């Protein structure tokens, strides 16, 4: 059975469902921060957020993309950056993720991007394997730091 898969733009009325899926990707994310971040992201012209939809009305995951001016190991600018990708567990291992990545790369090409980059947590071997199988090239391993200026 073939299923129609599409990327449906997330709008402001869908923050609840979007938030639920983001919590699955980022389980340690503070809830109030998550709410503020989504409200900001949805307004930004350099972020592109979509539900992964089956037959156009069944949302089974999400895609968050951004346009970054600089990405380590990338030559072009701007670079499409896959900030987040989530597929509900019962839809995994069926080829849907691979088909979604085909939609994402087509979207990137249509928008004029020459490169697509992403990252995965150091302990998320499953995501690393997924991206490697799709042809992504691992370019670096880092531990990120942040300092708040007061």
N, C-alpha and C. Protein backbone atom coordinates (compact mmCIF):
# COMPACT_ATOMS: atom_id res chain seq x y z
N UNK A 1 0.85 -1.18 0.00
CA UNK A 1 0.00 0.00 0.00
C UNK A 1 0.89 1.24 0.00
N UNK A 2 0.66 2.12 -0.96
CA UNK A 2 1.42 3.35 -1.04
C UNK A 2 0.66 4.47 -0.36
N UNK A 3 1.39 5.22 0.42
CA UNK A 3 0.78 6.31 1.17
C UNK A 3 1.35 7.62 0.64
N UNK A 4 0.51 8.64 0.56
CA UNK A 4 0.94 9.96 0.12
C UNK A 4 1.55 10.69 1.30
N UNK A 5 2.80 11.12 1.17
CA UNK A 5 3.51 11.83 2.23
C UNK A 5 3.75 13.25 1.77
N UNK A 6 3.46 14.20 2.64
CA UNK A 6 3.70 15.61 2.30
C UNK A 6 4.21 16.36 3.52
N UNK A 7 4.74 17.54 3.26
CA UNK A 7 5.15 18.46 4.31
C UNK A 7 4.12 19.58 4.35
N UNK A 8 3.43 19.70 5.47
CA UNK A 8 2.38 20.71 5.64
C UNK A 8 2.88 21.80 6.57
N UNK A 9 2.89 23.07 6.12
CA UNK A 9 3.38 24.15 6.99
C UNK A 9 2.61 24.19 8.32
N UNK A 10 3.34 24.42 9.39
CA UNK A 10 2.74 24.56 10.72
C UNK A 10 2.30 26.00 10.87
N UNK A 11 1.10 26.20 11.36
CA UNK A 11 0.65 27.57 11.61
C UNK A 11 0.40 27.79 13.10
N UNK A 12 0.16 29.01 13.45
CA UNK A 12 0.08 29.43 14.86
C UNK A 12 -0.99 28.67 15.63
N UNK A 13 -2.04 28.22 14.98
CA UNK A 13 -3.11 27.49 15.67
C UNK A 13 -2.70 26.06 16.04
N UNK A 14 -1.57 25.61 15.55
CA UNK A 14 -1.13 24.23 15.78
C UNK A 14 0.04 24.13 16.77
N UNK A 15 0.21 25.15 17.60
CA UNK A 15 1.33 25.15 18.54
C UNK A 15 1.25 23.98 19.52
N UNK A 16 0.05 23.55 19.90
CA UNK A 16 -0.09 22.44 20.84
C UNK A 16 0.48 21.14 20.29
N UNK A 17 0.08 20.77 19.09
CA UNK A 17 0.58 19.55 18.46
C UNK A 17 2.07 19.67 18.18
N UNK A 18 2.48 20.81 17.69
CA UNK A 18 3.90 21.06 17.42
C UNK A 18 4.69 20.90 18.71
N UNK A 19 4.20 21.49 19.79
CA UNK A 19 4.88 21.40 21.08
C UNK A 19 5.00 19.96 21.57
N UNK A 20 3.94 19.18 21.39
CA UNK A 20 3.99 17.77 21.79
C UNK A 20 5.09 17.02 21.04
N UNK A 21 5.20 17.27 19.75
CA UNK A 21 6.22 16.59 18.96
C UNK A 21 7.61 17.08 19.30
N UNK A 22 7.75 18.39 19.60
CA UNK A 22 9.05 18.92 19.99
C UNK A 22 9.51 18.31 21.31
N UNK A 23 8.59 18.07 22.23
CA UNK A 23 8.95 17.45 23.50
C UNK A 23 9.51 16.04 23.27
N UNK A 24 9.02 15.37 22.24
CA UNK A 24 9.53 14.03 21.93
C UNK A 24 10.96 14.11 21.38
N UNK A 25 11.28 15.16 20.64
CA UNK A 25 12.64 15.33 20.10
C UNK A 25 13.59 15.83 21.18
N UNK A 26 13.12 16.81 21.94
CA UNK A 26 13.96 17.49 22.92
C UNK A 26 13.37 17.28 24.32
N UNK A 27 13.48 16.09 24.89
CA UNK A 27 12.81 15.79 26.17
C UNK A 27 13.31 16.61 27.35
N UNK A 28 14.50 17.16 27.27
CA UNK A 28 15.01 17.96 28.39
C UNK A 28 14.71 19.45 28.25
N UNK A 29 14.03 19.82 27.17
CA UNK A 29 13.72 21.22 26.92
C UNK A 29 12.71 21.73 27.93
N UNK A 30 13.03 22.84 28.56
CA UNK A 30 12.13 23.48 29.52
C UNK A 30 10.84 23.89 28.80
N UNK A 31 9.69 23.54 29.38
CA UNK A 31 8.39 23.77 28.71
C UNK A 31 8.12 25.24 28.43
N UNK A 32 8.40 26.12 29.39
CA UNK A 32 8.12 27.54 29.14
C UNK A 32 9.05 28.07 28.05
N UNK A 33 10.30 27.63 28.04
CA UNK A 33 11.22 28.02 26.98
C UNK A 33 10.72 27.51 25.63
N UNK A 34 10.25 26.26 25.60
CA UNK A 34 9.72 25.67 24.37
C UNK A 34 8.59 26.52 23.80
N UNK A 35 7.67 26.96 24.64
CA UNK A 35 6.53 27.77 24.20
C UNK A 35 7.01 29.11 23.62
N UNK A 36 7.93 29.75 24.31
CA UNK A 36 8.46 31.04 23.83
C UNK A 36 9.22 30.84 22.51
N UNK A 37 10.02 29.78 22.45
CA UNK A 37 10.80 29.52 21.24
C UNK A 37 9.88 29.27 20.04
N UNK A 38 8.84 28.46 20.22
CA UNK A 38 7.93 28.19 19.09
C UNK A 38 7.26 29.47 18.62
N UNK A 39 6.82 30.32 19.56
CA UNK A 39 6.16 31.58 19.19
C UNK A 39 7.11 32.47 18.40
N UNK A 40 8.39 32.43 18.72
CA UNK A 40 9.38 33.21 17.99
C UNK A 40 9.71 32.59 16.63
N UNK A 41 9.92 31.28 16.62
CA UNK A 41 10.28 30.58 15.39
C UNK A 41 9.21 30.78 14.31
N UNK A 42 7.95 30.69 14.70
CA UNK A 42 6.85 30.74 13.71
C UNK A 42 6.80 32.10 12.99
N UNK A 43 7.39 33.13 13.61
CA UNK A 43 7.38 34.47 13.02
C UNK A 43 8.62 34.75 12.17
N UNK A 44 9.64 33.91 12.29
CA UNK A 44 10.91 34.20 11.64
C UNK A 44 10.92 33.79 10.17
N UNK A 45 11.44 34.66 9.31
CA UNK A 45 11.49 34.32 7.87
C UNK A 45 12.58 33.33 7.52
N UNK A 46 13.49 33.04 8.45
CA UNK A 46 14.60 32.12 8.17
C UNK A 46 14.38 30.75 8.79
N UNK A 47 13.18 30.49 9.29
CA UNK A 47 12.80 29.17 9.82
C UNK A 47 11.60 28.65 9.03
N UNK A 48 11.58 27.34 8.80
CA UNK A 48 10.54 26.71 8.01
C UNK A 48 10.12 25.43 8.73
N UNK A 49 8.91 25.41 9.24
CA UNK A 49 8.46 24.30 10.07
C UNK A 49 7.26 23.61 9.44
N UNK A 50 7.34 22.29 9.36
CA UNK A 50 6.33 21.50 8.67
C UNK A 50 5.95 20.27 9.49
N UNK A 51 4.69 19.89 9.38
CA UNK A 51 4.29 18.57 9.85
C UNK A 51 4.54 17.59 8.73
N UNK A 52 4.97 16.40 9.07
CA UNK A 52 5.02 15.29 8.13
C UNK A 52 3.62 14.70 8.13
N UNK A 53 2.98 14.73 6.98
CA UNK A 53 1.58 14.31 6.91
C UNK A 53 1.40 13.15 5.96
N UNK A 54 0.56 12.22 6.37
CA UNK A 54 0.15 11.11 5.51
C UNK A 54 -1.23 11.44 4.98
N UNK A 55 -1.39 11.29 3.70
CA UNK A 55 -2.67 11.58 3.05
C UNK A 55 -3.20 12.96 3.43
N UNK A 56 -2.27 13.92 3.65
CA UNK A 56 -2.50 15.34 3.88
C UNK A 56 -3.17 15.71 5.20
N UNK A 57 -3.74 14.77 5.95
CA UNK A 57 -4.44 15.19 7.16
C UNK A 57 -4.02 14.44 8.41
N UNK A 58 -3.14 13.49 8.30
CA UNK A 58 -2.68 12.72 9.46
C UNK A 58 -1.24 13.12 9.75
N UNK A 59 -1.04 13.97 10.75
CA UNK A 59 0.29 14.48 11.09
C UNK A 59 1.03 13.44 11.94
N UNK A 60 2.12 12.91 11.40
CA UNK A 60 2.85 11.83 12.07
C UNK A 60 4.28 12.23 12.44
N UNK A 61 4.63 13.47 12.23
CA UNK A 61 5.96 13.92 12.56
C UNK A 61 6.14 15.38 12.22
N UNK A 62 7.36 15.85 12.38
CA UNK A 62 7.63 17.24 12.06
C UNK A 62 9.04 17.42 11.53
N UNK A 63 9.21 18.51 10.81
CA UNK A 63 10.48 18.93 10.25
C UNK A 63 10.67 20.40 10.59
N UNK A 64 11.81 20.73 11.16
CA UNK A 64 12.17 22.12 11.40
C UNK A 64 13.46 22.41 10.64
N UNK A 65 13.38 23.37 9.74
CA UNK A 65 14.53 23.78 8.94
C UNK A 65 14.82 25.25 9.19
N UNK A 66 16.08 25.62 9.07
CA UNK A 66 16.42 27.03 9.12
C UNK A 66 17.40 27.34 8.00
N UNK A 67 17.57 28.60 7.75
CA UNK A 67 18.56 29.08 6.79
C UNK A 67 19.67 29.74 7.60
N UNK A 68 20.87 29.17 7.54
CA UNK A 68 22.01 29.70 8.30
C UNK A 68 23.04 30.28 7.33
N UNK A 69 23.58 31.43 7.70
CA UNK A 69 24.60 32.05 6.85
C UNK A 69 25.90 31.27 6.85
N UNK A 70 26.26 30.71 8.01
CA UNK A 70 27.52 29.97 8.14
C UNK A 70 27.25 28.65 8.84
N UNK A 71 27.76 27.57 8.27
CA UNK A 71 27.70 26.26 8.90
C UNK A 71 29.07 25.63 8.74
N UNK A 72 29.65 25.19 9.86
CA UNK A 72 30.96 24.54 9.80
C UNK A 72 30.95 23.43 8.75
N UNK A 73 32.01 23.36 7.98
CA UNK A 73 32.25 22.35 6.95
C UNK A 73 31.42 22.54 5.68
N UNK A 74 30.64 23.61 5.60
CA UNK A 74 29.87 23.90 4.39
C UNK A 74 30.53 25.07 3.65
N UNK A 75 30.44 25.02 2.34
CA UNK A 75 31.08 26.04 1.50
C UNK A 75 30.10 27.14 1.11
N UNK A 76 28.87 26.77 0.81
CA UNK A 76 27.90 27.74 0.31
C UNK A 76 27.29 28.56 1.45
N UNK A 77 26.58 29.60 1.06
CA UNK A 77 25.84 30.41 2.01
C UNK A 77 24.69 31.07 1.26
N UNK A 78 23.51 31.01 1.82
CA UNK A 78 23.14 30.35 3.07
C UNK A 78 23.04 28.83 2.90
N UNK A 79 23.00 28.16 4.04
CA UNK A 79 22.90 26.70 4.08
C UNK A 79 21.57 26.32 4.73
N UNK A 80 20.87 25.39 4.12
CA UNK A 80 19.66 24.85 4.76
C UNK A 80 20.12 23.96 5.91
N UNK A 81 19.52 24.15 7.08
CA UNK A 81 19.93 23.40 8.25
C UNK A 81 18.73 22.66 8.82
N UNK A 82 18.84 21.37 8.89
CA UNK A 82 17.78 20.55 9.46
C UNK A 82 17.91 20.60 10.98
N UNK A 83 17.11 21.46 11.58
CA UNK A 83 17.18 21.69 13.03
C UNK A 83 16.56 20.53 13.81
N UNK A 84 15.47 20.01 13.29
CA UNK A 84 14.79 18.93 13.98
C UNK A 84 13.99 18.08 13.01
N UNK A 85 14.00 16.78 13.25
CA UNK A 85 13.24 15.83 12.46
C UNK A 85 12.66 14.81 13.43
N UNK A 86 11.35 14.64 13.37
CA UNK A 86 10.70 13.69 14.28
C UNK A 86 9.64 12.92 13.50
N UNK A 87 9.63 11.62 13.73
CA UNK A 87 8.61 10.73 13.17
C UNK A 87 8.12 9.86 14.32
N UNK A 88 6.82 9.83 14.51
CA UNK A 88 6.25 9.04 15.60
C UNK A 88 6.77 7.60 15.49
N UNK A 89 7.06 6.97 16.63
CA UNK A 89 7.70 5.65 16.62
C UNK A 89 7.00 4.59 15.77
N UNK A 90 5.67 4.57 15.74
CA UNK A 90 4.97 3.53 14.97
C UNK A 90 5.05 3.75 13.46
N UNK A 91 5.67 4.85 13.00
CA UNK A 91 5.84 5.11 11.58
C UNK A 91 7.30 4.97 11.14
N UNK A 92 8.16 4.58 12.05
CA UNK A 92 9.58 4.42 11.74
C UNK A 92 9.83 3.05 11.11
N UNK A 93 10.98 2.94 10.46
CA UNK A 93 11.41 1.68 9.83
C UNK A 93 10.46 1.19 8.75
N UNK A 94 9.81 2.13 8.08
CA UNK A 94 8.91 1.79 6.98
C UNK A 94 9.28 2.53 5.69
N UNK A 95 10.42 3.24 5.72
CA UNK A 95 10.85 4.00 4.55
C UNK A 95 10.28 5.41 4.51
N UNK A 96 9.46 5.77 5.49
CA UNK A 96 8.85 7.10 5.50
C UNK A 96 9.91 8.17 5.72
N UNK A 97 10.83 7.95 6.65
CA UNK A 97 11.90 8.91 6.90
C UNK A 97 12.72 9.20 5.66
N UNK A 98 13.04 8.16 4.92
CA UNK A 98 13.80 8.33 3.68
C UNK A 98 13.00 9.16 2.68
N UNK A 99 11.71 8.89 2.57
CA UNK A 99 10.86 9.66 1.65
C UNK A 99 10.73 11.11 2.09
N UNK A 100 10.67 11.31 3.40
CA UNK A 100 10.62 12.68 3.93
C UNK A 100 11.90 13.43 3.57
N UNK A 101 13.04 12.76 3.71
CA UNK A 101 14.31 13.40 3.37
C UNK A 101 14.36 13.75 1.88
N UNK A 102 13.74 12.95 1.04
CA UNK A 102 13.66 13.28 -0.39
C UNK A 102 12.84 14.55 -0.59
N UNK A 103 11.74 14.69 0.17
CA UNK A 103 10.94 15.91 0.10
C UNK A 103 11.73 17.12 0.59
N UNK A 104 12.49 16.92 1.66
CA UNK A 104 13.29 18.00 2.22
C UNK A 104 14.36 18.45 1.22
N UNK A 105 15.06 17.50 0.61
CA UNK A 105 16.11 17.89 -0.33
C UNK A 105 15.52 18.54 -1.58
N UNK A 106 14.34 18.11 -2.01
CA UNK A 106 13.68 18.78 -3.13
C UNK A 106 13.31 20.20 -2.73
N UNK A 107 12.77 20.38 -1.54
CA UNK A 107 12.42 21.71 -1.05
C UNK A 107 13.67 22.59 -1.04
N UNK A 108 14.77 22.05 -0.53
CA UNK A 108 16.02 22.82 -0.47
C UNK A 108 16.46 23.26 -1.87
N UNK A 109 16.43 22.34 -2.81
CA UNK A 109 16.81 22.68 -4.19
C UNK A 109 15.88 23.74 -4.77
N UNK A 110 14.57 23.58 -4.54
CA UNK A 110 13.59 24.55 -5.04
C UNK A 110 13.82 25.94 -4.44
N UNK A 111 14.31 25.99 -3.20
CA UNK A 111 14.56 27.26 -2.52
C UNK A 111 15.95 27.83 -2.84
N UNK A 112 16.73 27.11 -3.64
CA UNK A 112 18.03 27.60 -4.07
C UNK A 112 19.21 27.23 -3.18
N UNK A 113 18.99 26.38 -2.21
CA UNK A 113 20.09 25.95 -1.35
C UNK A 113 20.97 24.95 -2.09
N UNK A 114 22.26 25.02 -1.83
CA UNK A 114 23.23 24.10 -2.44
C UNK A 114 23.67 23.01 -1.46
N UNK A 115 23.47 23.24 -0.16
CA UNK A 115 23.89 22.27 0.85
C UNK A 115 22.82 22.18 1.93
N UNK A 116 22.72 20.99 2.51
CA UNK A 116 21.85 20.73 3.65
C UNK A 116 22.72 20.14 4.74
N UNK A 117 22.63 20.71 5.92
CA UNK A 117 23.42 20.23 7.06
C UNK A 117 22.49 19.92 8.22
N UNK A 118 22.99 19.13 9.14
CA UNK A 118 22.25 18.81 10.35
C UNK A 118 23.24 18.35 11.40
N UNK A 119 22.74 17.98 12.55
CA UNK A 119 23.58 17.43 13.60
C UNK A 119 22.80 16.38 14.35
N UNK A 120 23.50 15.65 15.19
CA UNK A 120 22.88 14.65 16.06
C UNK A 120 23.67 14.63 17.36
N UNK A 121 22.99 14.37 18.44
CA UNK A 121 23.67 14.25 19.73
C UNK A 121 24.71 13.13 19.62
N UNK A 122 25.79 13.27 20.38
CA UNK A 122 26.87 12.28 20.33
C UNK A 122 26.39 10.87 20.68
N UNK A 123 25.39 10.77 21.54
CA UNK A 123 24.90 9.44 21.93
C UNK A 123 23.71 8.96 21.11
N UNK A 124 23.27 9.75 20.12
CA UNK A 124 22.14 9.35 19.29
C UNK A 124 22.65 8.60 18.05
N UNK A 125 23.08 7.40 18.29
CA UNK A 125 23.66 6.58 17.23
C UNK A 125 22.64 6.27 16.14
N UNK A 126 21.40 6.10 16.54
CA UNK A 126 20.35 5.79 15.55
C UNK A 126 20.21 6.91 14.52
N UNK A 127 20.19 8.16 14.99
CA UNK A 127 20.10 9.30 14.06
C UNK A 127 21.35 9.38 13.20
N UNK A 128 22.51 9.16 13.81
CA UNK A 128 23.76 9.20 13.04
C UNK A 128 23.74 8.16 11.92
N UNK A 129 23.27 6.97 12.24
CA UNK A 129 23.19 5.90 11.24
C UNK A 129 22.21 6.28 10.12
N UNK A 130 21.06 6.85 10.51
CA UNK A 130 20.04 7.27 9.53
C UNK A 130 20.64 8.27 8.54
N UNK A 131 21.29 9.31 9.06
CA UNK A 131 21.85 10.34 8.17
C UNK A 131 22.97 9.78 7.31
N UNK A 132 23.80 8.92 7.87
CA UNK A 132 24.89 8.31 7.10
C UNK A 132 24.33 7.46 5.96
N UNK A 133 23.29 6.68 6.25
CA UNK A 133 22.67 5.84 5.22
C UNK A 133 22.07 6.67 4.09
N UNK A 134 21.67 7.91 4.40
CA UNK A 134 21.10 8.79 3.38
C UNK A 134 22.17 9.50 2.56
N UNK A 135 23.42 9.36 2.94
CA UNK A 135 24.50 9.98 2.18
C UNK A 135 25.09 11.22 2.83
N UNK A 136 24.63 11.57 4.03
CA UNK A 136 25.26 12.69 4.73
C UNK A 136 26.69 12.28 5.10
N UNK A 137 27.58 13.24 5.08
CA UNK A 137 28.98 13.01 5.44
C UNK A 137 29.22 13.60 6.83
N UNK A 138 29.72 12.76 7.73
CA UNK A 138 30.07 13.28 9.05
C UNK A 138 31.29 14.17 8.91
N UNK A 139 31.20 15.39 9.50
CA UNK A 139 32.28 16.35 9.33
C UNK A 139 32.99 16.71 10.62
N UNK A 140 32.36 16.46 11.78
CA UNK A 140 32.97 16.90 13.03
C UNK A 140 32.22 16.29 14.20
N UNK A 141 32.88 16.27 15.36
CA UNK A 141 32.24 15.91 16.63
C UNK A 141 32.67 16.96 17.63
N UNK A 142 31.67 17.54 18.31
CA UNK A 142 31.98 18.63 19.23
C UNK A 142 31.13 18.52 20.51
N UNK A 143 31.58 19.24 21.49
CA UNK A 143 30.79 19.50 22.68
C UNK A 143 30.56 21.00 22.67
N UNK A 144 29.31 21.43 22.63
CA UNK A 144 28.99 22.85 22.54
C UNK A 144 28.93 23.48 23.93
N UNK A 145 29.29 24.75 23.99
CA UNK A 145 29.27 25.51 25.24
C UNK A 145 28.48 26.79 25.03
N UNK A 146 27.94 27.32 26.11
CA UNK A 146 27.18 28.57 26.07
C UNK A 146 27.53 29.36 27.32
N UNK A 147 27.60 30.68 27.17
CA UNK A 147 27.84 31.57 28.30
C UNK A 147 26.87 32.72 28.20
N UNK A 148 26.11 32.95 29.23
CA UNK A 148 25.13 34.05 29.22
C UNK A 148 25.82 35.33 29.68
N UNK A 149 25.72 36.37 28.87
CA UNK A 149 26.27 37.68 29.19
C UNK A 149 25.24 38.45 30.00
N UNK A 150 25.65 38.90 31.18
CA UNK A 150 24.73 39.63 32.06
C UNK A 150 25.15 41.06 32.22
